[in-house]
Amino acid sequence: MKKGRDVAARVISPDGTPAAEARIALGVVGSQIYVKNGDFDKNSTYCEIQQTDEQGHFRFLPQD
């Protein structure tokens, strides 16, 4: 199987400013994402989670 590429993007808020420190989850087949009170529930979420930088950028590296 061929190794995938990075998933990278920038998150912006409705007013166009960067969404700094936003939490991002990447779900794939077999993963589970559970949101409780506006945040990912650490005990029930089984996937990769990243946080955006101050400019709203994030990157998920390819899985092995």
PDB file of N, CA and C in Angstrom:
ATOM      1  N   MET A   1       0.839  -1.168   0.000  1.00  0.00           N
ATOM      2  CA  MET A   1       0.000   0.000   0.000  1.00  0.00           C
ATOM      3  C   MET A   1       0.894   1.244   0.000  1.00  0.00           C
ATOM      4  N   LYS A   2       0.496   2.226  -0.732  1.00  0.00           N
ATOM      5  CA  LYS A   2       1.251   3.480  -0.839  1.00  0.00           C
ATOM      6  C   LYS A   2       0.967   4.367   0.372  1.00  0.00           C
ATOM      7  N   LYS A   3       2.051   4.932   0.938  1.00  0.00           N
ATOM      8  CA  LYS A   3       1.908   5.823   2.091  1.00  0.00           C
ATOM      9  C   LYS A   3       1.156   7.083   1.678  1.00  0.00           C
ATOM     10  N   GLY A   4       0.242   7.519   2.534  1.00  0.00           N
ATOM     11  CA  GLY A   4      -0.559   8.707   2.264  1.00  0.00           C
ATOM     12  C   GLY A   4       0.225   9.993   2.430  1.00  0.00           C
ATOM     13  N   ARG A   5      -0.467  11.094   2.227  1.00  0.00           N
ATOM     14  CA  ARG A   5       0.125  12.420   2.370  1.00  0.00           C
ATOM     15  C   ARG A   5      -0.395  13.076   3.639  1.00  0.00           C
ATOM     16  N   ASP A   6       0.295  14.127   4.069  1.00  0.00           N
ATOM     17  CA  ASP A   6      -0.154  14.913   5.212  1.00  0.00           C
ATOM     18  C   ASP A   6      -1.546  15.483   4.941  1.00  0.00           C
ATOM     19  N   VAL A   7      -2.307  15.654   6.015  1.00  0.00           N
ATOM     20  CA  VAL A   7      -3.549  16.419   5.949  1.00  0.00           C
ATOM     21  C   VAL A   7      -3.248  17.720   6.680  1.00  0.00           C
ATOM     22  N   ALA A   8      -3.243  18.817   5.965  1.00  0.00           N
ATOM     23  CA  ALA A   8      -2.893  20.108   6.561  1.00  0.00           C
ATOM     24  C   ALA A   8      -3.854  21.171   6.039  1.00  0.00           C
ATOM     25  N   ALA A   9      -4.206  22.088   6.920  1.00  0.00           N
ATOM     26  CA  ALA A   9      -5.129  23.157   6.535  1.00  0.00           C
ATOM     27  C   ALA A   9      -5.028  24.295   7.539  1.00  0.00           C
ATOM     28  N   ARG A  10      -5.825  25.307   7.312  1.00  0.00           N
ATOM     29  CA  ARG A  10      -5.909  26.451   8.214  1.00  0.00           C
ATOM     30  C   ARG A  10      -7.365  26.655   8.571  1.00  0.00           C
ATOM     31  N   VAL A  11      -7.629  26.862   9.858  1.00  0.00           N
ATOM     32  CA  VAL A  11      -8.991  27.086  10.338  1.00  0.00           C
ATOM     33  C   VAL A  11      -9.158  28.574  10.616  1.00  0.00           C
ATOM     34  N   ILE A  12     -10.213  29.139  10.073  1.00  0.00           N
ATOM     35  CA  ILE A  12     -10.497  30.550  10.349  1.00  0.00           C
ATOM     36  C   ILE A  12     -11.892  30.657  10.953  1.00  0.00           C
ATOM     37  N   SER A  13     -12.086  31.686  11.736  1.00  0.00           N
ATOM     38  CA  SER A  13     -13.376  31.932  12.373  1.00  0.00           C
ATOM     39  C   SER A  13     -14.301  32.649  11.381  1.00  0.00           C
ATOM     40  N   PRO A  14     -15.578  32.752  11.701  1.00  0.00           N
ATOM     41  CA  PRO A  14     -16.512  33.420  10.785  1.00  0.00           C
ATOM     42  C   PRO A  14     -16.113  34.852  10.407  1.00  0.00           C
ATOM     43  N   ASP A  15     -15.382  35.541  11.305  1.00  0.00           N
ATOM     44  CA  ASP A  15     -14.977  36.916  10.975  1.00  0.00           C
ATOM     45  C   ASP A  15     -13.668  36.978  10.189  1.00  0.00           C
ATOM     46  N   GLY A  16     -13.123  35.788   9.824  1.00  0.00           N
ATOM     47  CA  GLY A  16     -11.921  35.746   8.996  1.00  0.00           C
ATOM     48  C   GLY A  16     -10.610  35.709   9.757  1.00  0.00           C
ATOM     49  N   THR A  17     -10.643  35.763  11.078  1.00  0.00           N
ATOM     50  CA  THR A  17      -9.409  35.701  11.861  1.00  0.00           C
ATOM     51  C   THR A  17      -9.026  34.239  12.095  1.00  0.00           C
ATOM     52  N   PRO A  18      -7.719  33.970  12.292  1.00  0.00           N
ATOM     53  CA  PRO A  18      -7.281  32.599  12.543  1.00  0.00           C
ATOM     54  C   PRO A  18      -7.911  32.029  13.814  1.00  0.00           C
ATOM     55  N   ALA A  19      -8.298  30.760  13.761  1.00  0.00           N
ATOM     56  CA  ALA A  19      -8.862  30.073  14.927  1.00  0.00           C
ATOM     57  C   ALA A  19      -7.704  29.466  15.715  1.00  0.00           C
ATOM     58  N   ALA A  20      -7.053  30.295  16.517  1.00  0.00           N
ATOM     59  CA  ALA A  20      -5.896  29.858  17.307  1.00  0.00           C
ATOM     60  C   ALA A  20      -6.337  28.882  18.395  1.00  0.00           C
ATOM     61  N   GLU A  21      -5.538  27.825  18.574  1.00  0.00           N
ATOM     62  CA  GLU A  21      -5.731  26.821  19.616  1.00  0.00           C
ATOM     63  C   GLU A  21      -7.046  26.047  19.488  1.00  0.00           C
ATOM     64  N   ALA A  22      -7.598  25.974  18.269  1.00  0.00           N
ATOM     65  CA  ALA A  22      -8.788  25.154  18.040  1.00  0.00           C
ATOM     66  C   ALA A  22      -8.370  23.687  18.044  1.00  0.00           C
ATOM     67  N   ARG A  23      -9.210  22.816  18.567  1.00  0.00           N
ATOM     68  CA  ARG A  23      -8.914  21.386  18.592  1.00  0.00           C
ATOM     69  C   ARG A  23      -9.580  20.728  17.387  1.00  0.00           C
ATOM     70  N   ILE A  24      -8.798  19.890  16.690  1.00  0.00           N
ATOM     71  CA  ILE A  24      -9.223  19.252  15.462  1.00  0.00           C
ATOM     72  C   ILE A  24      -9.086  17.743  15.636  1.00  0.00           C
ATOM     73  N   ALA A  25     -10.108  16.984  15.235  1.00  0.00           N
ATOM     74  CA  ALA A  25     -10.045  15.523  15.271  1.00  0.00           C
ATOM     75  C   ALA A  25     -10.135  14.992  13.849  1.00  0.00           C
ATOM     76  N   LEU A  26      -9.350  13.969  13.562  1.00  0.00           N
ATOM     77  CA  LEU A  26      -9.369  13.326  12.254  1.00  0.00           C
ATOM     78  C   LEU A  26      -9.855  11.895  12.430  1.00  0.00           C
ATOM     79  N   GLY A  27     -11.055  11.652  11.952  1.00  0.00           N
ATOM     80  CA  GLY A  27     -11.634  10.326  12.063  1.00  0.00           C
ATOM     81  C   GLY A  27     -11.444   9.524  10.792  1.00  0.00           C
ATOM     82  N   VAL A  28     -11.058   8.282  10.942  1.00  0.00           N
ATOM     83  CA  VAL A  28     -10.925   7.336   9.830  1.00  0.00           C
ATOM     84  C   VAL A  28     -11.759   6.106  10.173  1.00  0.00           C
ATOM     85  N   VAL A  29     -11.830   5.166   9.271  1.00  0.00           N
ATOM     86  CA  VAL A  29     -12.605   3.951   9.508  1.00  0.00           C
ATOM     87  C   VAL A  29     -12.191   3.329  10.840  1.00  0.00           C
ATOM     88  N   GLY A  30     -13.168   3.071  11.680  1.00  0.00           N
ATOM     89  CA  GLY A  30     -12.911   2.442  12.974  1.00  0.00           C
ATOM     90  C   GLY A  30     -12.661   3.417  14.108  1.00  0.00           C
ATOM     91  N   SER A  31     -12.560   4.703  13.816  1.00  0.00           N
ATOM     92  CA  SER A  31     -12.334   5.670  14.893  1.00  0.00           C
ATOM     93  C   SER A  31     -13.672   6.102  15.481  1.00  0.00           C
ATOM     94  N   GLN A  32     -13.584   6.714  16.632  1.00  0.00           N
ATOM     95  CA  GLN A  32     -14.780   7.209  17.320  1.00  0.00           C
ATOM     96  C   GLN A  32     -14.481   8.599  17.842  1.00  0.00           C
ATOM     97  N   ILE A  33     -15.376   9.543  17.585  1.00  0.00           N
ATOM     98  CA  ILE A  33     -15.224  10.912  18.064  1.00  0.00           C
ATOM     99  C   ILE A  33     -16.464  11.258  18.876  1.00  0.00           C
ATOM    100  N   TYR A  34     -16.251  11.624  20.127  1.00  0.00           N
ATOM    101  CA  TYR A  34     -17.362  11.959  21.011  1.00  0.00           C
ATOM    102  C   TYR A  34     -17.132  13.358  21.558  1.00  0.00           C
ATOM    103  N   VAL A  35     -18.097  14.243  21.338  1.00  0.00           N
ATOM    104  CA  VAL A  35     -18.010  15.627  21.812  1.00  0.00           C
ATOM    105  C   VAL A  35     -18.990  15.801  22.959  1.00  0.00           C
ATOM    106  N   LYS A  36     -18.471  16.348  24.045  1.00  0.00           N
ATOM    107  CA  LYS A  36     -19.286  16.581  25.235  1.00  0.00           C
ATOM    108  C   LYS A  36     -18.999  17.992  25.730  1.00  0.00           C
ATOM    109  N   ASN A  37     -20.039  18.784  25.865  1.00  0.00           N
ATOM    110  CA  ASN A  37     -19.898  20.176  26.331  1.00  0.00           C
ATOM    111  C   ASN A  37     -18.892  20.968  25.492  1.00  0.00           C
ATOM    112  N   GLY A  38     -18.915  20.750  24.170  1.00  0.00           N
ATOM    113  CA  GLY A  38     -18.083  21.537  23.267  1.00  0.00           C
ATOM    114  C   GLY A  38     -16.641  21.102  23.150  1.00  0.00           C
ATOM    115  N   ASP A  39     -16.258  19.962  23.740  1.00  0.00           N
ATOM    116  CA  ASP A  39     -14.878  19.492  23.650  1.00  0.00           C
ATOM    117  C   ASP A  39     -14.888  17.985  23.424  1.00  0.00           C
ATOM    118  N   PHE A  40     -13.788  17.468  22.920  1.00  0.00           N
ATOM    119  CA  PHE A  40     -13.676  16.028  22.719  1.00  0.00           C
ATOM    120  C   PHE A  40     -13.576  15.330  24.072  1.00  0.00           C
ATOM    121  N   ASP A  41     -14.370  14.315  24.266  1.00  0.00           N
ATOM    122  CA  ASP A  41     -14.311  13.530  25.499  1.00  0.00           C
ATOM    123  C   ASP A  41     -13.114  12.587  25.388  1.00  0.00           C
ATOM    124  N   LYS A  42     -12.102  12.801  26.226  1.00  0.00           N
ATOM    125  CA  LYS A  42     -10.864  12.028  26.156  1.00  0.00           C
ATOM    126  C   LYS A  42     -11.081  10.542  26.432  1.00  0.00           C
ATOM    127  N   ASN A  43     -12.087  10.198  27.203  1.00  0.00           N
ATOM    128  CA  ASN A  43     -12.331   8.799  27.547  1.00  0.00           C
ATOM    129  C   ASN A  43     -13.126   8.056  26.472  1.00  0.00           C
ATOM    130  N   SER A  44     -13.751   8.776  25.543  1.00  0.00           N
ATOM    131  CA  SER A  44     -14.601   8.134  24.539  1.00  0.00           C
ATOM    132  C   SER A  44     -14.203   8.471  23.111  1.00  0.00           C
ATOM    133  N   THR A  45     -13.111   9.197  22.909  1.00  0.00           N
ATOM    134  CA  THR A  45     -12.660   9.560  21.570  1.00  0.00           C
ATOM    135  C   THR A  45     -11.413   8.758  21.234  1.00  0.00           C
ATOM    136  N   TYR A  46     -11.484   8.042  20.118  1.00  0.00           N
ATOM    137  CA  TYR A  46     -10.375   7.183  19.698  1.00  0.00           C
ATOM    138  C   TYR A  46      -9.955   7.569  18.291  1.00  0.00           C
ATOM    139  N   CYS A  47      -9.183   8.647  18.197  1.00  0.00           N
ATOM    140  CA  CYS A  47      -8.657   9.113  16.919  1.00  0.00           C
ATOM    141  C   CYS A  47      -7.566  10.143  17.209  1.00  0.00           C
ATOM    142  N   GLU A  48      -6.917  10.581  16.151  1.00  0.00           N
ATOM    143  CA  GLU A  48      -5.867  11.587  16.269  1.00  0.00           C
ATOM    144  C   GLU A  48      -6.488  12.957  16.525  1.00  0.00           C
ATOM    145  N   ILE A  49      -5.952  13.689  17.497  1.00  0.00           N
ATOM    146  CA  ILE A  49      -6.422  15.046  17.809  1.00  0.00           C
ATOM    147  C   ILE A  49      -5.222  15.988  17.763  1.00  0.00           C
ATOM    148  N   GLN A  50      -5.399  17.107  17.112  1.00  0.00           N
ATOM    149  CA  GLN A  50      -4.371  18.146  17.029  1.00  0.00           C
ATOM    150  C   GLN A  50      -4.968  19.468  17.503  1.00  0.00           C
ATOM    151  N   GLN A  51      -4.107  20.431  17.718  1.00  0.00           N
ATOM    152  CA  GLN A  51      -4.540  21.779  18.078  1.00  0.00           C
ATOM    153  C   GLN A  51      -3.907  22.747  17.094  1.00  0.00           C
ATOM    154  N   THR A  52      -4.674  23.718  16.627  1.00  0.00           N
ATOM    155  CA  THR A  52      -4.136  24.689  15.676  1.00  0.00           C
ATOM    156  C   THR A  52      -3.117  25.593  16.361  1.00  0.00           C
ATOM    157  N   ASP A  53      -2.210  26.126  15.550  1.00  0.00           N
ATOM    158  CA  ASP A  53      -1.245  27.088  16.082  1.00  0.00           C
ATOM    159  C   ASP A  53      -1.895  28.477  16.132  1.00  0.00           C
ATOM    160  N   GLU A  54      -1.108  29.485  16.422  1.00  0.00           N
ATOM    161  CA  GLU A  54      -1.651  30.835  16.572  1.00  0.00           C
ATOM    162  C   GLU A  54      -2.220  31.398  15.264  1.00  0.00           C
ATOM    163  N   GLN A  55      -1.785  30.832  14.129  1.00  0.00           N
ATOM    164  CA  GLN A  55      -2.300  31.276  12.826  1.00  0.00           C
ATOM    165  C   GLN A  55      -3.415  30.370  12.304  1.00  0.00           C
ATOM    166  N   GLY A  56      -3.847  29.409  13.121  1.00  0.00           N
ATOM    167  CA  GLY A  56      -4.943  28.522  12.737  1.00  0.00           C
ATOM    168  C   GLY A  56      -4.531  27.304  11.929  1.00  0.00           C
ATOM    169  N   HIS A  57      -3.222  27.074  11.761  1.00  0.00           N
ATOM    170  CA  HIS A  57      -2.747  25.935  10.981  1.00  0.00           C
ATOM    171  C   HIS A  57      -2.684  24.657  11.814  1.00  0.00           C
ATOM    172  N   PHE A  58      -2.939  23.528  11.142  1.00  0.00           N
ATOM    173  CA  PHE A  58      -2.750  22.223  11.778  1.00  0.00           C
ATOM    174  C   PHE A  58      -2.254  21.242  10.718  1.00  0.00           C
ATOM    175  N   ARG A  59      -1.685  20.117  11.183  1.00  0.00           N
ATOM    176  CA  ARG A  59      -1.195  19.089  10.271  1.00  0.00           C
ATOM    177  C   ARG A  59      -1.275  17.729  10.946  1.00  0.00           C
ATOM    178  N   PHE A  60      -1.844  16.785  10.222  1.00  0.00           N
ATOM    179  CA  PHE A  60      -1.842  15.390  10.624  1.00  0.00           C
ATOM    180  C   PHE A  60      -0.858  14.678   9.697  1.00  0.00           C
ATOM    181  N   LEU A  61       0.113  13.979  10.263  1.00  0.00           N
ATOM    182  CA  LEU A  61       1.090  13.243   9.459  1.00  0.00           C
ATOM    183  C   LEU A  61       0.471  11.930   8.988  1.00  0.00           C
ATOM    184  N   PRO A  62       0.978  11.376   7.887  1.00  0.00           N
ATOM    185  CA  PRO A  62       0.442  10.099   7.392  1.00  0.00           C
ATOM    186  C   PRO A  62       0.655   8.989   8.420  1.00  0.00           C
ATOM    187  N   GLN A  63      -0.267   8.059   8.450  1.00  0.00           N
ATOM    188  CA  GLN A  63      -0.132   6.919   9.335  1.00  0.00           C
ATOM    189  C   GLN A  63       0.758   5.876   8.685  1.00  0.00           C
ATOM    190  N   ASP A  64       1.442   5.114   9.508  1.00  0.00           N
ATOM    191  CA  ASP A  64       2.308   4.031   8.987  1.00  0.00           C
ATOM    192  C   ASP A  64       1.487   2.829   8.614  1.00  0.00           C
TER     193      ASP A  64
END
